[in-house]
Amino acid sequence: MKHDAFIADDQPVVRLGLRTLLADCTDLAFAGEAGDAHAALAMVLAHEYHLLVLELSLPGRSGLELIKRFKAERPRLPVLVFTDQPEEMYAVRAIRAGASGYLMKRSEPAIVLEAMRRVANGSMWINQKVAELLATDPVRNGDHLPHTRLTDREYGIFSRIVSGAKLTQIADELSLSIKTVSTHKSNILDKMTLSGQVDLVRYAIEHQLLGSDRG
């Protein structure tokens, strides 16, 4: 039996690449795609897929919120996160939200296929780095660092701020008003007892949340 895979990614070249990879597979089949969160949600709710390959930075909604919504509506649908977002920033939260795997887009094609197969068949896909992050997860170990107090929506905004995104860009990406994003930013600063964006960036660097390949 072939497993039907749905691809949710905002980059057309990535969707094309994954379709090409799946074209010659005997056990996986391309079954649909979407380029934004709203289209992805509509398609997943309307069809029974065997695998969802998900980019966390889809326009329209927080990727972490999307995972939780997908798992609430389709609890048996395995989700493989396929993203450029640093493992340090998102992997633990994605797994906690319900994802069955976390894979970086720089991975070799053979690894991408193997990850899709494993997740579609009900297994987890995590590399050694993600395993180590899970083992040292501050929430799991009772060390409630300030960033762990943030909601998924707040964390998505926090991650964009420390990565250099302007509030207008964040509002556009998440389909929110600038006023709402500004309110979230204020709440983030309050929860983390920090005074401004510079402090947020410094905190992210000190806690290694930006990824080792950041220049």
N, C-alpha and C. Protein backbone atom coordinates (compact mmCIF):
# COMPACT_ATOMS: atom_id res chain seq x y z
N MET A 1 0.83 -1.19 0.00
CA MET A 1 0.00 0.00 0.00
C MET A 1 0.87 1.25 0.00
N LYS A 2 0.50 2.20 -0.85
CA LYS A 2 1.22 3.47 -0.87
C LYS A 2 0.65 4.42 0.17
N HIS A 3 1.54 5.14 0.83
CA HIS A 3 1.12 6.15 1.79
C HIS A 3 0.99 7.49 1.07
N ASP A 4 -0.19 8.10 1.17
CA ASP A 4 -0.43 9.39 0.53
C ASP A 4 0.17 10.52 1.36
N ALA A 5 1.07 11.29 0.75
CA ALA A 5 1.76 12.37 1.45
C ALA A 5 1.25 13.73 0.98
N PHE A 6 0.96 14.59 1.94
CA PHE A 6 0.55 15.96 1.65
C PHE A 6 1.69 16.89 2.05
N ILE A 7 2.00 17.86 1.19
CA ILE A 7 3.12 18.77 1.41
C ILE A 7 2.59 20.17 1.67
N ALA A 8 2.95 20.74 2.81
CA ALA A 8 2.55 22.11 3.14
C ALA A 8 3.82 22.95 3.29
N ASP A 9 4.11 23.75 2.28
CA ASP A 9 5.33 24.56 2.26
C ASP A 9 5.09 25.79 1.41
N ASP A 10 5.61 26.93 1.86
CA ASP A 10 5.37 28.17 1.13
C ASP A 10 6.33 28.38 -0.03
N GLN A 11 7.33 27.51 -0.18
CA GLN A 11 8.31 27.66 -1.25
C GLN A 11 7.99 26.69 -2.40
N PRO A 12 7.59 27.20 -3.57
CA PRO A 12 7.26 26.32 -4.70
C PRO A 12 8.38 25.36 -5.07
N VAL A 13 9.63 25.81 -4.97
CA VAL A 13 10.75 24.95 -5.35
C VAL A 13 10.87 23.76 -4.40
N VAL A 14 10.54 23.96 -3.13
CA VAL A 14 10.57 22.85 -2.17
C VAL A 14 9.46 21.85 -2.48
N ARG A 15 8.27 22.35 -2.77
CA ARG A 15 7.17 21.45 -3.12
C ARG A 15 7.49 20.65 -4.37
N LEU A 16 8.09 21.32 -5.36
CA LEU A 16 8.49 20.64 -6.58
C LEU A 16 9.53 19.57 -6.29
N GLY A 17 10.52 19.91 -5.46
CA GLY A 17 11.56 18.95 -5.13
C GLY A 17 11.01 17.72 -4.43
N LEU A 18 10.08 17.91 -3.52
CA LEU A 18 9.49 16.77 -2.82
C LEU A 18 8.62 15.94 -3.75
N ARG A 19 7.88 16.60 -4.63
CA ARG A 19 7.08 15.86 -5.62
C ARG A 19 7.99 15.00 -6.48
N THR A 20 9.13 15.56 -6.88
CA THR A 20 10.08 14.82 -7.72
C THR A 20 10.63 13.61 -6.97
N LEU A 21 10.96 13.81 -5.69
CA LEU A 21 11.46 12.70 -4.88
C LEU A 21 10.43 11.58 -4.78
N LEU A 22 9.17 11.96 -4.63
CA LEU A 22 8.11 10.97 -4.44
C LEU A 22 7.71 10.27 -5.73
N ALA A 23 8.06 10.85 -6.87
CA ALA A 23 7.58 10.33 -8.15
C ALA A 23 7.98 8.89 -8.40
N ASP A 24 9.17 8.51 -7.97
CA ASP A 24 9.66 7.16 -8.24
C ASP A 24 9.51 6.21 -7.05
N CYS A 25 8.82 6.66 -6.01
CA CYS A 25 8.66 5.82 -4.81
C CYS A 25 7.57 4.77 -5.03
N THR A 26 7.80 3.61 -4.50
CA THR A 26 6.79 2.55 -4.58
C THR A 26 5.91 2.50 -3.33
N ASP A 27 6.36 3.18 -2.27
CA ASP A 27 5.61 3.12 -1.00
C ASP A 27 5.07 4.47 -0.54
N LEU A 28 5.43 5.54 -1.24
CA LEU A 28 4.94 6.87 -0.92
C LEU A 28 4.41 7.53 -2.19
N ALA A 29 3.34 8.29 -2.06
CA ALA A 29 2.76 8.95 -3.22
C ALA A 29 2.42 10.40 -2.89
N PHE A 30 2.71 11.29 -3.82
CA PHE A 30 2.31 12.69 -3.67
C PHE A 30 0.80 12.78 -3.80
N ALA A 31 0.13 13.40 -2.81
CA ALA A 31 -1.33 13.43 -2.82
C ALA A 31 -1.91 14.83 -2.74
N GLY A 32 -1.05 15.85 -2.65
CA GLY A 32 -1.56 17.21 -2.60
C GLY A 32 -0.56 18.15 -1.98
N GLU A 33 -0.83 19.46 -2.13
CA GLU A 33 0.09 20.45 -1.60
C GLU A 33 -0.65 21.75 -1.30
N ALA A 34 -0.02 22.57 -0.47
CA ALA A 34 -0.55 23.90 -0.15
C ALA A 34 0.61 24.81 0.17
N GLY A 35 0.41 26.11 -0.09
CA GLY A 35 1.47 27.08 0.14
C GLY A 35 1.23 28.02 1.30
N ASP A 36 0.10 27.86 1.99
CA ASP A 36 -0.16 28.68 3.17
C ASP A 36 -0.96 27.87 4.18
N ALA A 37 -1.04 28.40 5.40
CA ALA A 37 -1.65 27.66 6.50
C ALA A 37 -3.13 27.38 6.27
N HIS A 38 -3.86 28.37 5.77
CA HIS A 38 -5.30 28.21 5.61
C HIS A 38 -5.63 27.15 4.56
N ALA A 39 -4.90 27.16 3.45
CA ALA A 39 -5.13 26.15 2.41
C ALA A 39 -4.75 24.77 2.91
N ALA A 40 -3.65 24.68 3.65
CA ALA A 40 -3.21 23.39 4.20
C ALA A 40 -4.26 22.82 5.14
N LEU A 41 -4.78 23.67 6.01
CA LEU A 41 -5.78 23.21 6.98
C LEU A 41 -7.04 22.73 6.27
N ALA A 42 -7.48 23.47 5.27
CA ALA A 42 -8.68 23.08 4.53
C ALA A 42 -8.49 21.74 3.84
N MET A 43 -7.33 21.52 3.23
CA MET A 43 -7.07 20.27 2.53
C MET A 43 -6.97 19.09 3.49
N VAL A 44 -6.28 19.28 4.59
CA VAL A 44 -6.11 18.19 5.55
C VAL A 44 -7.45 17.80 6.18
N LEU A 45 -8.32 18.78 6.41
CA LEU A 45 -9.63 18.48 6.98
C LEU A 45 -10.55 17.80 5.98
N ALA A 46 -10.28 18.01 4.69
CA ALA A 46 -11.16 17.48 3.65
C ALA A 46 -10.73 16.10 3.15
N HIS A 47 -9.50 15.69 3.45
CA HIS A 47 -8.99 14.42 2.92
C HIS A 47 -8.32 13.60 4.02
N GLU A 48 -8.18 12.31 3.74
CA GLU A 48 -7.50 11.40 4.67
C GLU A 48 -6.11 11.09 4.12
N TYR A 49 -5.12 11.82 4.58
CA TYR A 49 -3.74 11.58 4.16
C TYR A 49 -3.04 10.66 5.17
N HIS A 50 -1.93 10.07 4.73
CA HIS A 50 -1.16 9.19 5.60
C HIS A 50 0.08 9.88 6.16
N LEU A 51 0.42 11.04 5.61
CA LEU A 51 1.61 11.77 6.05
C LEU A 51 1.46 13.25 5.70
N LEU A 52 1.83 14.10 6.63
CA LEU A 52 1.88 15.54 6.38
C LEU A 52 3.31 16.01 6.54
N VAL A 53 3.87 16.58 5.48
CA VAL A 53 5.21 17.17 5.52
C VAL A 53 5.01 18.68 5.65
N LEU A 54 5.44 19.24 6.77
CA LEU A 54 5.04 20.60 7.14
C LEU A 54 6.22 21.53 7.37
N GLU A 55 6.19 22.68 6.69
CA GLU A 55 7.10 23.79 6.99
C GLU A 55 6.49 24.62 8.12
N LEU A 56 7.29 24.95 9.12
CA LEU A 56 6.77 25.69 10.27
C LEU A 56 6.43 27.14 9.96
N SER A 57 7.06 27.71 8.93
CA SER A 57 6.90 29.14 8.64
C SER A 57 5.85 29.41 7.57
N LEU A 58 4.79 28.63 7.52
CA LEU A 58 3.74 28.89 6.55
C LEU A 58 3.06 30.22 6.84
N PRO A 59 2.78 31.00 5.79
CA PRO A 59 2.03 32.25 6.00
C PRO A 59 0.64 31.96 6.55
N GLY A 60 0.21 32.78 7.49
CA GLY A 60 -1.16 32.70 7.96
C GLY A 60 -1.38 32.20 9.36
N ARG A 61 -0.40 31.43 9.89
CA ARG A 61 -0.60 30.88 11.23
C ARG A 61 0.71 30.33 11.77
N SER A 62 0.84 30.35 13.09
CA SER A 62 2.01 29.77 13.74
C SER A 62 2.10 28.28 13.43
N GLY A 63 3.30 27.81 13.07
CA GLY A 63 3.48 26.40 12.77
C GLY A 63 3.17 25.50 13.94
N LEU A 64 3.51 25.92 15.14
CA LEU A 64 3.23 25.12 16.33
C LEU A 64 1.72 25.01 16.57
N GLU A 65 1.02 26.11 16.37
CA GLU A 65 -0.44 26.08 16.49
C GLU A 65 -1.05 25.17 15.44
N LEU A 66 -0.48 25.19 14.24
CA LEU A 66 -0.97 24.33 13.16
C LEU A 66 -0.83 22.86 13.52
N ILE A 67 0.33 22.48 14.05
CA ILE A 67 0.54 21.08 14.42
C ILE A 67 -0.54 20.64 15.41
N LYS A 68 -0.78 21.44 16.41
CA LYS A 68 -1.79 21.09 17.42
C LYS A 68 -3.18 20.98 16.80
N ARG A 69 -3.49 21.88 15.86
CA ARG A 69 -4.81 21.83 15.20
C ARG A 69 -4.92 20.57 14.34
N PHE A 70 -3.87 20.28 13.58
CA PHE A 70 -3.88 19.08 12.75
C PHE A 70 -4.07 17.83 13.61
N LYS A 71 -3.36 17.75 14.72
CA LYS A 71 -3.44 16.57 15.57
C LYS A 71 -4.79 16.48 16.29
N ALA A 72 -5.39 17.63 16.56
CA ALA A 72 -6.72 17.61 17.18
C ALA A 72 -7.78 17.11 16.21
N GLU A 73 -7.65 17.52 14.93
CA GLU A 73 -8.64 17.15 13.92
C GLU A 73 -8.33 15.79 13.28
N ARG A 74 -7.05 15.48 13.16
CA ARG A 74 -6.62 14.23 12.53
C ARG A 74 -5.56 13.57 13.43
N PRO A 75 -5.98 13.02 14.57
CA PRO A 75 -5.00 12.50 15.54
C PRO A 75 -4.12 11.39 15.01
N ARG A 76 -4.58 10.68 13.99
CA ARG A 76 -3.78 9.57 13.44
C ARG A 76 -2.86 10.01 12.31
N LEU A 77 -2.92 11.28 11.93
CA LEU A 77 -2.08 11.79 10.84
C LEU A 77 -0.69 12.12 11.37
N PRO A 78 0.35 11.42 10.93
CA PRO A 78 1.71 11.74 11.38
C PRO A 78 2.24 12.98 10.68
N VAL A 79 2.92 13.81 11.44
CA VAL A 79 3.44 15.08 10.92
C VAL A 79 4.96 15.06 10.96
N LEU A 80 5.58 15.28 9.81
CA LEU A 80 7.03 15.44 9.71
C LEU A 80 7.32 16.91 9.45
N VAL A 81 7.96 17.57 10.38
CA VAL A 81 8.37 18.96 10.17
C VAL A 81 9.60 18.97 9.28
N PHE A 82 9.52 19.71 8.18
CA PHE A 82 10.61 19.82 7.20
C PHE A 82 10.85 21.31 7.01
N THR A 83 11.94 21.83 7.58
CA THR A 83 12.05 23.28 7.75
C THR A 83 13.49 23.77 7.75
N ASP A 84 13.63 25.09 7.61
CA ASP A 84 14.92 25.75 7.80
C ASP A 84 15.05 26.31 9.21
N GLN A 85 13.97 26.25 9.98
CA GLN A 85 14.00 26.82 11.33
C GLN A 85 14.94 26.02 12.22
N PRO A 86 15.82 26.70 12.96
CA PRO A 86 16.84 25.99 13.75
C PRO A 86 16.23 24.99 14.73
N GLU A 87 16.89 23.85 14.84
CA GLU A 87 16.43 22.83 15.78
C GLU A 87 16.38 23.38 17.20
N GLU A 88 17.39 24.22 17.53
CA GLU A 88 17.44 24.79 18.88
C GLU A 88 16.21 25.62 19.20
N MET A 89 15.66 26.24 18.18
CA MET A 89 14.54 27.15 18.38
C MET A 89 13.20 26.41 18.45
N TYR A 90 13.03 25.37 17.62
CA TYR A 90 11.69 24.83 17.44
C TYR A 90 11.51 23.33 17.64
N ALA A 91 12.57 22.54 17.58
CA ALA A 91 12.39 21.08 17.55
C ALA A 91 11.63 20.55 18.75
N VAL A 92 12.03 20.95 19.95
CA VAL A 92 11.39 20.42 21.16
C VAL A 92 9.91 20.81 21.20
N ARG A 93 9.63 22.06 20.90
CA ARG A 93 8.22 22.51 20.91
C ARG A 93 7.41 21.79 19.85
N ALA A 94 8.00 21.54 18.68
CA ALA A 94 7.27 20.85 17.61
C ALA A 94 6.93 19.42 18.03
N ILE A 95 7.88 18.72 18.63
CA ILE A 95 7.63 17.36 19.09
C ILE A 95 6.58 17.37 20.20
N ARG A 96 6.70 18.32 21.12
CA ARG A 96 5.70 18.42 22.20
C ARG A 96 4.31 18.71 21.65
N ALA A 97 4.25 19.47 20.54
CA ALA A 97 2.96 19.81 19.94
C ALA A 97 2.31 18.62 19.23
N GLY A 98 3.11 17.59 18.92
CA GLY A 98 2.55 16.41 18.28
C GLY A 98 3.24 15.93 17.03
N ALA A 99 4.29 16.62 16.59
CA ALA A 99 5.03 16.18 15.40
C ALA A 99 5.75 14.86 15.69
N SER A 100 5.86 14.03 14.66
CA SER A 100 6.55 12.74 14.79
C SER A 100 7.99 12.80 14.31
N GLY A 101 8.38 13.94 13.76
CA GLY A 101 9.76 14.07 13.28
C GLY A 101 10.10 15.51 12.99
N TYR A 102 11.40 15.78 13.00
CA TYR A 102 11.91 17.14 12.73
C TYR A 102 13.13 17.00 11.84
N LEU A 103 13.05 17.56 10.64
CA LEU A 103 14.11 17.39 9.65
C LEU A 103 14.45 18.73 9.02
N MET A 104 15.75 19.02 8.92
CA MET A 104 16.19 20.26 8.30
C MET A 104 16.21 20.13 6.78
N LYS A 105 15.93 21.22 6.08
CA LYS A 105 15.87 21.18 4.62
C LYS A 105 17.22 20.97 3.96
N ARG A 106 18.30 21.16 4.70
CA ARG A 106 19.62 20.91 4.13
C ARG A 106 19.95 19.41 4.08
N SER A 107 19.05 18.56 4.55
CA SER A 107 19.29 17.11 4.57
C SER A 107 19.40 16.55 3.15
N GLU A 108 20.16 15.47 3.02
CA GLU A 108 20.30 14.79 1.73
C GLU A 108 18.97 14.17 1.31
N PRO A 109 18.71 14.09 -0.02
CA PRO A 109 17.45 13.52 -0.50
C PRO A 109 17.15 12.13 0.06
N ALA A 110 18.16 11.29 0.16
CA ALA A 110 17.94 9.93 0.68
C ALA A 110 17.45 9.97 2.13
N ILE A 111 17.98 10.92 2.90
CA ILE A 111 17.55 11.07 4.29
C ILE A 111 16.11 11.57 4.36
N VAL A 112 15.77 12.49 3.46
CA VAL A 112 14.40 13.02 3.43
C VAL A 112 13.40 11.90 3.16
N LEU A 113 13.71 11.06 2.18
CA LEU A 113 12.82 9.94 1.87
C LEU A 113 12.72 8.96 3.03
N GLU A 114 13.84 8.66 3.65
CA GLU A 114 13.83 7.73 4.78
C GLU A 114 13.01 8.29 5.93
N ALA A 115 13.14 9.59 6.19
CA ALA A 115 12.36 10.22 7.25
C ALA A 115 10.86 10.15 6.95
N MET A 116 10.49 10.42 5.70
CA MET A 116 9.08 10.34 5.32
C MET A 116 8.55 8.93 5.49
N ARG A 117 9.34 7.94 5.08
CA ARG A 117 8.91 6.54 5.23
C ARG A 117 8.71 6.17 6.70
N ARG A 118 9.69 6.53 7.52
CA ARG A 118 9.64 6.17 8.93
C ARG A 118 8.41 6.80 9.60
N VAL A 119 8.20 8.08 9.35
CA VAL A 119 7.09 8.78 10.00
C VAL A 119 5.75 8.26 9.47
N ALA A 120 5.66 8.02 8.16
CA ALA A 120 4.42 7.50 7.57
C ALA A 120 4.06 6.13 8.14
N ASN A 121 5.07 5.37 8.54
CA ASN A 121 4.85 4.03 9.09
C ASN A 121 4.68 4.02 10.61
N GLY A 122 4.58 5.21 11.19
CA GLY A 122 4.27 5.29 12.61
C GLY A 122 5.43 5.45 13.55
N SER A 123 6.64 5.61 13.01
CA SER A 123 7.82 5.77 13.85
C SER A 123 8.17 7.25 14.01
N MET A 124 9.07 7.52 14.93
CA MET A 124 9.59 8.88 15.12
C MET A 124 10.83 9.06 14.26
N TRP A 125 11.09 10.31 13.87
CA TRP A 125 12.34 10.63 13.18
C TRP A 125 12.99 11.83 13.87
N ILE A 126 14.02 11.56 14.63
CA ILE A 126 14.78 12.62 15.27
C ILE A 126 16.26 12.27 15.19
N ASN A 127 17.09 13.26 14.89
CA ASN A 127 18.52 13.01 14.84
C ASN A 127 19.12 13.15 16.24
N GLN A 128 20.42 12.93 16.33
CA GLN A 128 21.07 12.96 17.64
C GLN A 128 20.93 14.33 18.30
N LYS A 129 21.04 15.38 17.49
CA LYS A 129 20.95 16.73 18.05
C LYS A 129 19.58 16.97 18.68
N VAL A 130 18.52 16.58 17.97
CA VAL A 130 17.17 16.77 18.51
C VAL A 130 16.96 15.90 19.74
N ALA A 131 17.51 14.68 19.71
CA ALA A 131 17.40 13.80 20.87
C ALA A 131 18.05 14.43 22.10
N GLU A 132 19.19 15.07 21.89
CA GLU A 132 19.87 15.74 23.01
C GLU A 132 19.05 16.93 23.51
N LEU A 133 18.44 17.67 22.58
CA LEU A 133 17.60 18.80 22.98
C LEU A 133 16.39 18.32 23.79
N LEU A 134 15.81 17.20 23.38
CA LEU A 134 14.68 16.65 24.12
C LEU A 134 15.10 16.20 25.51
N ALA A 135 16.30 15.61 25.58
CA ALA A 135 16.79 15.11 26.87
C ALA A 135 17.07 16.24 27.85
N THR A 136 17.43 17.40 27.31
CA THR A 136 17.74 18.54 28.17
C THR A 136 16.64 19.59 28.17
N ASP A 137 15.45 19.21 27.70
CA ASP A 137 14.31 20.12 27.65
C ASP A 137 14.04 20.71 29.03
N PRO A 138 14.12 22.04 29.18
CA PRO A 138 13.93 22.64 30.50
C PRO A 138 12.57 22.40 31.11
N VAL A 139 11.52 22.29 30.29
CA VAL A 139 10.18 22.03 30.82
C VAL A 139 10.12 20.62 31.39
N ARG A 140 10.64 19.67 30.62
CA ARG A 140 10.63 18.27 31.07
C ARG A 140 11.44 18.10 32.35
N ASN A 141 12.53 18.85 32.46
CA ASN A 141 13.41 18.70 33.61
C ASN A 141 13.09 19.65 34.76
N GLY A 142 11.99 20.38 34.62
CA GLY A 142 11.54 21.23 35.72
C GLY A 142 12.24 22.57 35.82
N ASP A 143 13.08 22.89 34.84
CA ASP A 143 13.78 24.18 34.86
C ASP A 143 12.98 25.17 34.00
N HIS A 144 12.10 25.92 34.61
CA HIS A 144 11.18 26.76 33.86
C HIS A 144 11.84 28.08 33.49
N LEU A 145 12.62 28.05 32.42
CA LEU A 145 13.26 29.26 31.92
C LEU A 145 12.20 30.20 31.37
N PRO A 146 12.49 31.50 31.32
CA PRO A 146 11.47 32.47 30.90
C PRO A 146 10.82 32.16 29.55
N HIS A 147 11.58 31.71 28.56
CA HIS A 147 10.98 31.49 27.24
C HIS A 147 10.01 30.31 27.24
N THR A 148 10.13 29.40 28.21
CA THR A 148 9.21 28.26 28.26
C THR A 148 7.83 28.66 28.78
N ARG A 149 7.70 29.87 29.30
CA ARG A 149 6.40 30.34 29.79
C ARG A 149 5.54 30.91 28.65
N LEU A 150 6.14 31.11 27.50
CA LEU A 150 5.42 31.72 26.38
C LEU A 150 4.45 30.73 25.75
N THR A 151 3.30 31.23 25.31
CA THR A 151 2.39 30.40 24.52
C THR A 151 3.01 30.14 23.15
N ASP A 152 2.43 29.21 22.40
CA ASP A 152 2.95 28.92 21.06
C ASP A 152 2.90 30.16 20.17
N ARG A 153 1.82 30.94 20.26
CA ARG A 153 1.71 32.16 19.46
C ARG A 153 2.80 33.15 19.87
N GLU A 154 2.98 33.34 21.18
CA GLU A 154 4.01 34.25 21.66
C GLU A 154 5.40 33.77 21.27
N TYR A 155 5.61 32.47 21.34
CA TYR A 155 6.93 31.93 21.00
C TYR A 155 7.23 32.13 19.51
N GLY A 156 6.20 31.97 18.67
CA GLY A 156 6.39 32.22 17.25
C GLY A 156 6.78 33.65 16.96
N ILE A 157 6.17 34.59 17.68
CA ILE A 157 6.51 36.00 17.52
C ILE A 157 7.90 36.28 18.09
N PHE A 158 8.18 35.72 19.26
CA PHE A 158 9.51 35.85 19.86
C PHE A 158 10.60 35.38 18.90
N SER A 159 10.41 34.21 18.29
CA SER A 159 11.43 33.66 17.40
C SER A 159 11.64 34.54 16.18
N ARG A 160 10.58 35.14 15.68
CA ARG A 160 10.70 36.03 14.52
C ARG A 160 11.40 37.33 14.91
N ILE A 161 11.08 37.86 16.08
CA ILE A 161 11.72 39.09 16.54
C ILE A 161 13.22 38.90 16.67
N VAL A 162 13.64 37.83 17.33
CA VAL A 162 15.08 37.63 17.56
C VAL A 162 15.80 37.24 16.28
N SER A 163 15.05 36.83 15.25
CA SER A 163 15.66 36.53 13.96
C SER A 163 15.73 37.76 13.06
N GLY A 164 15.23 38.90 13.57
CA GLY A 164 15.38 40.15 12.84
C GLY A 164 14.16 40.65 12.10
N ALA A 165 13.02 39.96 12.22
CA ALA A 165 11.81 40.38 11.51
C ALA A 165 11.20 41.63 12.15
N LYS A 166 10.69 42.52 11.32
CA LYS A 166 9.99 43.70 11.82
C LYS A 166 8.55 43.33 12.18
N LEU A 167 7.93 44.14 13.02
CA LEU A 167 6.58 43.85 13.46
C LEU A 167 5.60 43.80 12.29
N THR A 168 5.80 44.67 11.30
CA THR A 168 4.92 44.66 10.12
C THR A 168 5.04 43.34 9.36
N GLN A 169 6.25 42.82 9.26
CA GLN A 169 6.47 41.55 8.57
C GLN A 169 5.83 40.40 9.35
N ILE A 170 5.98 40.42 10.66
CA ILE A 170 5.39 39.38 11.50
C ILE A 170 3.87 39.41 11.38
N ALA A 171 3.30 40.61 11.41
CA ALA A 171 1.85 40.75 11.28
C ALA A 171 1.37 40.16 9.96
N ASP A 172 2.11 40.42 8.89
CA ASP A 172 1.74 39.91 7.57
C ASP A 172 1.85 38.39 7.53
N GLU A 173 2.93 37.84 8.08
CA GLU A 173 3.15 36.40 8.04
C GLU A 173 2.09 35.63 8.82
N LEU A 174 1.64 36.20 9.94
CA LEU A 174 0.70 35.50 10.81
C LEU A 174 -0.74 35.97 10.64
N SER A 175 -0.97 36.84 9.66
CA SER A 175 -2.31 37.38 9.40
C SER A 175 -2.90 38.04 10.65
N LEU A 176 -2.08 38.86 11.30
CA LEU A 176 -2.49 39.59 12.49
C LEU A 176 -2.35 41.09 12.25
N SER A 177 -3.01 41.89 13.05
CA SER A 177 -2.81 43.33 12.98
C SER A 177 -1.51 43.70 13.68
N ILE A 178 -0.93 44.82 13.29
CA ILE A 178 0.30 45.28 13.95
C ILE A 178 0.04 45.53 15.43
N LYS A 179 -1.15 46.03 15.75
CA LYS A 179 -1.50 46.27 17.15
C LYS A 179 -1.47 44.98 17.96
N THR A 180 -2.00 43.90 17.37
CA THR A 180 -2.00 42.61 18.06
C THR A 180 -0.59 42.10 18.27
N VAL A 181 0.25 42.23 17.24
CA VAL A 181 1.64 41.79 17.36
C VAL A 181 2.35 42.61 18.44
N SER A 182 2.10 43.91 18.45
CA SER A 182 2.72 44.78 19.47
C SER A 182 2.29 44.37 20.88
N THR A 183 1.02 44.01 21.02
CA THR A 183 0.53 43.55 22.32
C THR A 183 1.23 42.26 22.74
N HIS A 184 1.36 41.34 21.78
CA HIS A 184 2.07 40.09 22.07
C HIS A 184 3.52 40.37 22.47
N LYS A 185 4.16 41.30 21.77
CA LYS A 185 5.54 41.64 22.10
C LYS A 185 5.64 42.16 23.54
N SER A 186 4.70 43.01 23.92
CA SER A 186 4.70 43.54 25.29
C SER A 186 4.51 42.42 26.31
N ASN A 187 3.62 41.48 25.99
CA ASN A 187 3.39 40.35 26.90
C ASN A 187 4.63 39.48 27.01
N ILE A 188 5.32 39.29 25.88
CA ILE A 188 6.55 38.50 25.87
C ILE A 188 7.59 39.14 26.79
N LEU A 189 7.77 40.43 26.64
CA LEU A 189 8.74 41.15 27.47
C LEU A 189 8.37 41.06 28.95
N ASP A 190 7.07 41.17 29.23
CA ASP A 190 6.63 41.08 30.63
C ASP A 190 6.90 39.70 31.20
N LYS A 191 6.53 38.66 30.45
CA LYS A 191 6.72 37.29 30.93
C LYS A 191 8.19 36.94 31.14
N MET A 192 9.04 37.51 30.28
CA MET A 192 10.46 37.19 30.35
C MET A 192 11.24 38.20 31.18
N THR A 193 10.51 39.20 31.72
CA THR A 193 11.11 40.29 32.52
C THR A 193 12.31 40.91 31.81
N LEU A 194 12.09 41.24 30.54
CA LEU A 194 13.11 41.91 29.73
C LEU A 194 12.57 43.26 29.29
N SER A 195 13.47 44.14 28.86
CA SER A 195 13.05 45.52 28.60
C SER A 195 12.91 45.89 27.13
N GLY A 196 13.45 45.10 26.21
CA GLY A 196 13.36 45.48 24.81
C GLY A 196 13.92 44.42 23.89
N GLN A 197 13.92 44.75 22.58
CA GLN A 197 14.33 43.78 21.56
C GLN A 197 15.78 43.35 21.72
N VAL A 198 16.65 44.27 22.08
CA VAL A 198 18.06 43.92 22.27
C VAL A 198 18.20 42.85 23.35
N ASP A 199 17.43 43.00 24.42
CA ASP A 199 17.47 42.01 25.50
C ASP A 199 16.96 40.66 25.02
N LEU A 200 15.93 40.67 24.17
CA LEU A 200 15.40 39.42 23.63
C LEU A 200 16.45 38.69 22.80
N VAL A 201 17.14 39.43 21.94
CA VAL A 201 18.19 38.83 21.11
C VAL A 201 19.32 38.29 21.98
N ARG A 202 19.73 39.08 22.96
CA ARG A 202 20.79 38.63 23.87
C ARG A 202 20.38 37.34 24.60
N TYR A 203 19.13 37.30 25.03
CA TYR A 203 18.62 36.11 25.73
C TYR A 203 18.67 34.90 24.80
N ALA A 204 18.22 35.07 23.55
CA ALA A 204 18.20 33.96 22.60
C ALA A 204 19.61 33.44 22.34
N ILE A 205 20.58 34.35 22.24
CA ILE A 205 21.97 33.94 22.02
C ILE A 205 22.50 33.21 23.24
N GLU A 206 22.25 33.75 24.42
CA GLU A 206 22.76 33.14 25.65
C GLU A 206 22.19 31.74 25.88
N HIS A 207 20.96 31.53 25.44
CA HIS A 207 20.32 30.23 25.65
C HIS A 207 20.35 29.36 24.39
N GLN A 208 21.18 29.77 23.42
CA GLN A 208 21.43 28.97 22.20
C GLN A 208 20.13 28.61 21.48
N LEU A 209 19.29 29.61 21.28
CA LEU A 209 18.01 29.39 20.61
C LEU A 209 18.02 29.79 19.14
N LEU A 210 19.14 30.33 18.67
CA LEU A 210 19.17 30.85 17.30
C LEU A 210 19.78 29.90 16.29
N GLY A 211 20.34 28.80 16.72
CA GLY A 211 20.95 27.86 15.78
C GLY A 211 22.43 28.10 15.64
N SER A 212 23.16 27.01 15.46
CA SER A 212 24.62 27.10 15.41
C SER A 212 25.14 27.68 14.12
N ASP A 213 24.29 27.76 13.08
CA ASP A 213 24.75 28.27 11.78
C ASP A 213 24.45 29.74 11.61
N ARG A 214 23.99 30.39 12.67
CA ARG A 214 23.68 31.82 12.57
C ARG A 214 24.97 32.61 12.49
N GLY A 215 25.04 33.58 11.52
CA GLY A 215 26.24 34.38 11.37
C GLY A 215 26.18 35.67 12.12
